[in-house]
Amino acid sequence: MKNALVLLGSLVACNSDTTTKTFNASPEVVIMSHSDGFEAIEGERISFRAQVSDTNDPFEELRVAWYWGQNLVCEWATPNEGGDAYCDLTIGGSDELLRVEVQDLRGGAGRAEISVVVTPNMAPEAEILSPQTGDRLYSDQLISFHAFVSDLEDSPETLLLQWESSIDGELVVATVADSNGDAREAGFLSEGQHSLQLHVTDTLGKSVTESVVLQVGGANNPPSCSITAPADQSGSPVGDPVIFRGTATDPDVGSNELTISWVSDKDGVLGAGSI
């Protein structure tokens, strides 16, 4: 009987031991910078802020990530010492959910999301006024670069304009449009056939490209001419008509594109015209 009592006491002593279990509260997160249904413009760069909290984990043991739809846009990172987490995001072209997730080291997690309504950003418009295909251009003469640009969201002065040649690359032509969208500058092009492009970009990154094909000749050679009548040192009575004849050629253009003028050192311009 005595032995039975000792055994019973041992069992009671064993059952009196208890196991302590620690409960892990999940972290929480709230998007503070913007509310659900926030409206943004496509291409706009926006900084979003969220606030995280956890009852049993310090901020340095938490990790936060941001998603635009299903795409991870801001990698997992530690919030700052105040529990703030940030994500700088360039807005995409369609409505989407912005989601932020937080996790602790023991697998606890929380999330928050807002819908973002995106207004499409229209691309700018551009028209090259000069030079044009068919223009007679020379490598040693300034060429007028003239365009008209516009944009629904931005004023013309804020648009970025860049001229580019298939031969010469980006041209060092600092073109800025005025408030009416008129953009003028001048520069040189090398000899050869060019695809000349004008790139116009708005403040949110949308762009348009217009182009023309040009043929640029070498240095412009001067025309040559000679007088065939009247003969040198010849004379005629005062009042009698005098017939003037001559020839003119140019290595770069046809004779039909030349203009001529007859000039006397005493009587001035006697006549002008084309061949």
Protein backbone atom coordinates (compact mmCIF):
# COMPACT_ATOMS: atom_id res chain seq x y z
CA MET A 1 0.00 0.00 0.00
CA LYS A 2 2.83 2.34 0.84
CA ASN A 3 4.41 1.71 -2.56
CA ALA A 4 1.13 2.51 -4.31
CA LEU A 5 0.90 5.86 -2.56
CA VAL A 6 4.42 6.77 -3.63
CA LEU A 7 3.59 5.94 -7.28
CA LEU A 8 0.42 8.01 -7.16
CA GLY A 9 2.32 10.99 -5.78
CA SER A 10 4.84 10.72 -8.58
CA LEU A 11 2.09 10.79 -11.20
CA VAL A 12 0.55 13.88 -9.62
CA ALA A 13 3.93 15.60 -9.57
CA CYS A 14 4.50 14.83 -13.27
CA ASN A 15 1.07 16.19 -14.31
CA SER A 16 1.71 19.47 -12.51
CA ASP A 17 4.34 20.52 -15.14
CA THR A 18 2.99 23.04 -17.69
CA THR A 19 4.23 24.02 -21.20
CA THR A 20 4.31 27.79 -22.03
CA LYS A 21 3.20 28.67 -25.59
CA THR A 22 3.93 32.12 -27.17
CA PHE A 23 1.21 33.58 -29.41
CA ASN A 24 2.50 35.46 -32.50
CA ALA A 25 0.24 38.40 -33.41
CA SER A 26 0.25 39.13 -37.13
CA PRO A 27 1.59 42.53 -38.23
CA GLU A 28 -0.78 45.07 -39.72
CA VAL A 29 -0.36 47.67 -42.46
CA VAL A 30 -2.42 50.66 -43.66
CA ILE A 31 -1.84 52.80 -46.76
CA MET A 32 -1.74 56.34 -45.42
CA SER A 33 -0.78 58.52 -48.40
CA HIS A 34 -3.73 57.78 -50.68
CA SER A 35 -7.26 56.46 -50.36
CA ASP A 36 -9.19 53.86 -52.32
CA GLY A 37 -10.21 55.12 -55.79
CA PHE A 38 -7.25 57.49 -56.02
CA GLU A 39 -6.97 59.12 -59.49
CA ALA A 40 -3.60 59.34 -61.24
CA ILE A 41 -2.29 60.17 -64.72
CA GLU A 42 -0.50 57.54 -66.76
CA GLY A 43 3.26 58.02 -66.48
CA GLU A 44 2.99 60.15 -63.32
CA ARG A 45 5.63 59.45 -60.66
CA ILE A 46 4.02 59.12 -57.21
CA SER A 47 5.39 58.33 -53.75
CA PHE A 48 3.10 56.05 -51.69
CA ARG A 49 3.40 55.63 -47.92
CA ALA A 50 2.13 52.90 -45.62
CA GLN A 51 2.21 52.54 -41.82
CA VAL A 52 3.01 49.12 -40.30
CA SER A 53 2.49 47.93 -36.73
CA ASP A 54 3.12 44.74 -34.73
CA THR A 55 2.37 44.10 -31.06
CA ASN A 56 5.27 41.70 -30.44
CA ASP A 57 7.91 42.45 -33.11
CA PRO A 58 10.14 45.52 -33.54
CA PHE A 59 10.05 47.36 -36.85
CA GLU A 60 13.53 46.17 -37.80
CA GLU A 61 12.24 42.58 -37.88
CA LEU A 62 9.44 43.37 -40.32
CA ARG A 63 9.60 43.31 -44.12
CA VAL A 64 7.34 45.25 -46.51
CA ALA A 65 6.75 44.89 -50.27
CA TRP A 66 4.51 46.67 -52.79
CA TYR A 67 2.63 45.26 -55.79
CA TRP A 68 1.00 46.95 -58.80
CA GLY A 69 -1.56 44.34 -59.74
CA GLN A 70 0.41 41.08 -59.78
CA ASN A 71 3.76 42.78 -60.38
CA LEU A 72 6.23 43.39 -57.57
CA VAL A 73 7.21 47.06 -57.93
CA CYS A 74 9.03 47.76 -54.64
CA GLU A 75 11.17 44.91 -53.24
CA TRP A 76 10.91 43.57 -49.71
CA ALA A 77 12.50 46.10 -47.36
CA THR A 78 12.52 47.09 -43.69
CA PRO A 79 10.28 50.01 -42.64
CA ASN A 80 11.93 52.99 -41.00
CA GLU A 81 12.16 53.41 -37.24
CA GLY A 82 8.72 55.03 -37.18
CA GLY A 83 7.08 52.14 -39.03
CA ASP A 84 6.74 53.99 -42.35
CA ALA A 85 7.26 52.16 -45.65
CA TYR A 86 7.51 53.99 -48.98
CA CYS A 87 7.23 53.08 -52.65
CA ASP A 88 7.98 55.48 -55.53
CA LEU A 89 6.01 54.27 -58.53
CA THR A 90 5.53 55.35 -62.13
CA ILE A 91 1.84 54.82 -62.86
CA GLY A 92 1.00 52.30 -65.59
CA GLY A 93 -1.46 52.75 -68.40
CA SER A 94 -4.58 51.10 -66.92
CA ASP A 95 -6.61 50.98 -63.71
CA GLU A 96 -5.05 48.66 -61.14
CA LEU A 97 -4.90 47.61 -57.48
CA LEU A 98 -1.94 48.83 -55.46
CA ARG A 99 -1.17 46.32 -52.68
CA VAL A 100 1.26 46.46 -49.79
CA GLU A 101 2.22 43.40 -47.75
CA VAL A 102 4.06 43.08 -44.43
CA GLN A 103 5.63 39.98 -42.84
CA ASP A 104 7.42 39.23 -39.57
CA LEU A 105 10.21 36.70 -39.05
CA ARG A 106 7.80 34.03 -37.73
CA GLY A 107 5.53 34.03 -40.77
CA GLY A 108 2.85 36.44 -39.58
CA ALA A 109 1.56 38.64 -42.39
CA GLY A 110 -0.80 41.50 -43.17
CA ARG A 111 -1.84 43.37 -46.28
CA ALA A 112 -3.73 46.43 -47.51
CA GLU A 113 -4.73 47.63 -50.96
CA ILE A 114 -6.36 50.51 -52.78
CA SER A 115 -7.71 50.84 -56.32
CA VAL A 116 -6.03 53.41 -58.57
CA VAL A 117 -8.01 54.99 -61.40
CA VAL A 118 -5.65 55.88 -64.25
CA THR A 119 -6.30 58.68 -66.74
CA PRO A 120 -4.48 57.96 -70.02
CA ASN A 121 -1.75 60.41 -71.00
CA MET A 122 -2.07 61.27 -74.68
CA ALA A 123 1.11 61.41 -76.74
CA PRO A 124 2.15 64.79 -78.18
CA GLU A 125 1.64 65.66 -81.83
CA ALA A 126 4.28 66.99 -84.24
CA GLU A 127 4.58 68.15 -87.85
CA ILE A 128 7.85 68.81 -89.67
CA LEU A 129 7.42 71.97 -91.76
CA SER A 130 10.99 72.12 -93.04
CA PRO A 131 13.11 70.66 -94.44
CA GLN A 132 10.90 68.64 -96.75
CA THR A 133 11.55 65.79 -99.17
CA GLY A 134 12.65 67.27 -102.48
CA ASP A 135 14.26 70.39 -101.01
CA ARG A 136 17.67 71.23 -102.51
CA LEU A 137 20.07 71.06 -99.60
CA TYR A 138 23.85 71.43 -99.32
CA SER A 139 26.27 70.23 -96.66
CA ASP A 140 27.95 73.65 -96.35
CA GLN A 141 24.75 75.66 -96.00
CA LEU A 142 22.54 76.11 -92.96
CA ILE A 143 19.31 74.11 -93.07
CA SER A 144 16.14 75.39 -91.42
CA PHE A 145 14.61 72.94 -88.93
CA HIS A 146 11.04 74.07 -88.42
CA ALA A 147 8.26 72.12 -86.73
CA PHE A 148 4.89 72.58 -85.07
CA VAL A 149 4.20 70.65 -81.84
CA SER A 150 1.31 70.34 -79.39
CA ASP A 151 0.11 68.24 -76.45
CA LEU A 152 -3.25 67.89 -74.70
CA GLU A 153 -1.80 67.81 -71.18
CA ASP A 154 1.37 69.94 -71.45
CA SER A 155 2.11 73.39 -72.79
CA PRO A 156 4.36 73.40 -75.90
CA GLU A 157 7.25 75.08 -74.04
CA THR A 158 7.61 72.07 -71.69
CA LEU A 159 7.95 69.51 -74.49
CA LEU A 160 11.37 67.99 -75.20
CA LEU A 161 12.36 68.15 -78.89
CA GLN A 162 15.25 66.23 -80.40
CA TRP A 163 16.27 66.08 -84.08
CA GLU A 164 18.09 62.95 -85.24
CA SER A 165 19.68 61.95 -88.56
CA SER A 166 20.31 58.42 -89.81
CA ILE A 167 23.80 59.61 -90.83
CA ASP A 168 24.77 62.27 -88.30
CA GLY A 169 22.97 60.84 -85.22
CA GLU A 170 21.47 63.22 -82.67
CA LEU A 171 21.84 66.77 -83.92
CA VAL A 172 23.12 69.47 -81.61
CA VAL A 173 20.08 71.62 -82.26
CA ALA A 174 18.61 73.15 -79.10
CA THR A 175 15.02 73.41 -80.29
CA VAL A 176 12.39 74.76 -77.91
CA ALA A 177 8.84 75.50 -78.96
CA ASP A 178 7.15 78.78 -78.13
CA SER A 179 3.75 79.05 -76.47
CA ASN A 180 2.05 78.56 -79.85
CA GLY A 181 3.95 75.33 -80.56
CA ASP A 182 6.24 76.88 -83.18
CA ALA A 183 9.80 75.50 -83.03
CA ARG A 184 12.58 76.88 -85.25
CA GLU A 185 16.32 76.24 -85.39
CA ALA A 186 19.07 75.88 -88.00
CA GLY A 187 21.95 73.48 -88.45
CA PHE A 188 24.03 71.45 -90.91
CA LEU A 189 23.67 67.94 -92.37
CA SER A 190 26.37 65.83 -93.97
CA GLU A 191 26.28 64.91 -97.64
CA GLY A 192 24.09 61.87 -98.36
CA GLN A 193 20.55 60.56 -98.06
CA HIS A 194 19.12 61.15 -94.59
CA SER A 195 16.14 59.89 -92.69
CA LEU A 196 15.58 62.95 -90.53
CA GLN A 197 13.51 62.32 -87.40
CA LEU A 198 11.95 64.65 -84.87
CA HIS A 199 11.29 63.09 -81.44
CA VAL A 200 8.87 64.97 -79.16
CA THR A 201 8.43 63.85 -75.52
CA ASP A 202 6.03 65.24 -72.93
CA THR A 203 6.68 65.71 -69.21
CA LEU A 204 5.33 62.24 -68.36
CA GLY A 205 7.39 60.38 -70.93
CA LYS A 206 4.92 59.89 -73.78
CA SER A 207 6.55 60.57 -77.16
CA VAL A 208 5.91 60.78 -80.88
CA THR A 209 8.33 60.61 -83.82
CA GLU A 210 7.92 62.25 -87.24
CA SER A 211 10.36 61.78 -90.11
CA VAL A 212 11.25 62.90 -93.65
CA VAL A 213 13.75 61.56 -96.20
CA LEU A 214 16.24 64.13 -97.49
CA GLN A 215 18.99 64.19 -100.09
CA VAL A 216 21.83 66.50 -99.06
CA GLY A 217 24.41 67.43 -101.65
CA GLY A 218 28.04 68.34 -101.11
CA ALA A 219 29.33 71.88 -100.95
CA ASN A 220 27.38 74.18 -103.25
CA ASN A 221 29.47 75.08 -106.29
CA PRO A 222 29.03 78.51 -107.91
CA PRO A 223 27.54 78.67 -111.42
CA SER A 224 29.63 79.79 -114.37
CA CYS A 225 28.57 82.16 -117.15
CA SER A 226 29.89 83.91 -120.21
CA ILE A 227 28.72 86.69 -122.57
CA THR A 228 28.54 85.64 -126.21
CA ALA A 229 27.08 88.91 -127.59
CA PRO A 230 27.90 91.71 -127.96
CA ALA A 231 31.63 91.10 -128.42
CA ASP A 232 34.09 92.62 -126.01
CA GLN A 233 35.11 96.21 -126.92
CA SER A 234 32.43 96.39 -129.63
CA GLY A 235 30.21 99.46 -130.05
CA SER A 236 26.92 100.58 -131.52
CA PRO A 237 25.27 103.95 -132.23
CA VAL A 238 23.33 105.56 -129.42
CA GLY A 239 19.67 104.67 -129.70
CA ASP A 240 20.19 101.45 -131.64
CA PRO A 241 18.97 98.27 -129.93
CA VAL A 242 21.64 95.92 -128.57
CA ILE A 243 21.12 92.19 -128.30
CA PHE A 244 22.64 90.55 -125.23
CA ARG A 245 23.38 86.82 -125.31
CA GLY A 246 25.15 84.57 -122.85
CA THR A 247 25.47 81.05 -121.47
CA ALA A 248 25.23 79.82 -117.87
CA THR A 249 25.77 76.40 -116.27
CA ASP A 250 25.88 74.96 -112.76
CA PRO A 251 27.31 71.55 -111.70
CA ASP A 252 24.66 71.14 -108.97
CA VAL A 253 21.42 72.21 -110.63
CA GLY A 254 19.82 72.30 -114.06
CA SER A 255 19.92 75.46 -116.13
CA ASN A 256 16.17 75.88 -115.67
CA GLU A 257 16.82 76.52 -111.96
CA LEU A 258 19.21 79.40 -112.61
CA THR A 259 18.21 83.07 -112.58
CA ILE A 260 20.16 85.70 -114.50
CA SER A 261 20.47 89.45 -114.53
CA TRP A 262 22.20 91.87 -116.91
CA VAL A 263 23.89 94.81 -115.18
CA SER A 264 25.66 97.86 -116.57
CA ASP A 265 28.17 99.86 -114.54
CA LYS A 266 26.53 103.00 -115.95
CA ASP A 267 22.86 102.14 -116.43
CA GLY A 268 22.40 99.63 -113.59
CA VAL A 269 20.19 96.56 -114.04
CA LEU A 270 19.22 96.10 -117.66
CA GLY A 271 17.09 93.03 -117.23
CA ALA A 272 16.62 89.80 -115.28
CA GLY A 273 14.95 86.45 -115.73
CA SER A 274 15.56 82.73 -116.09
CA ILE A 275 17.14 80.62 -118.80
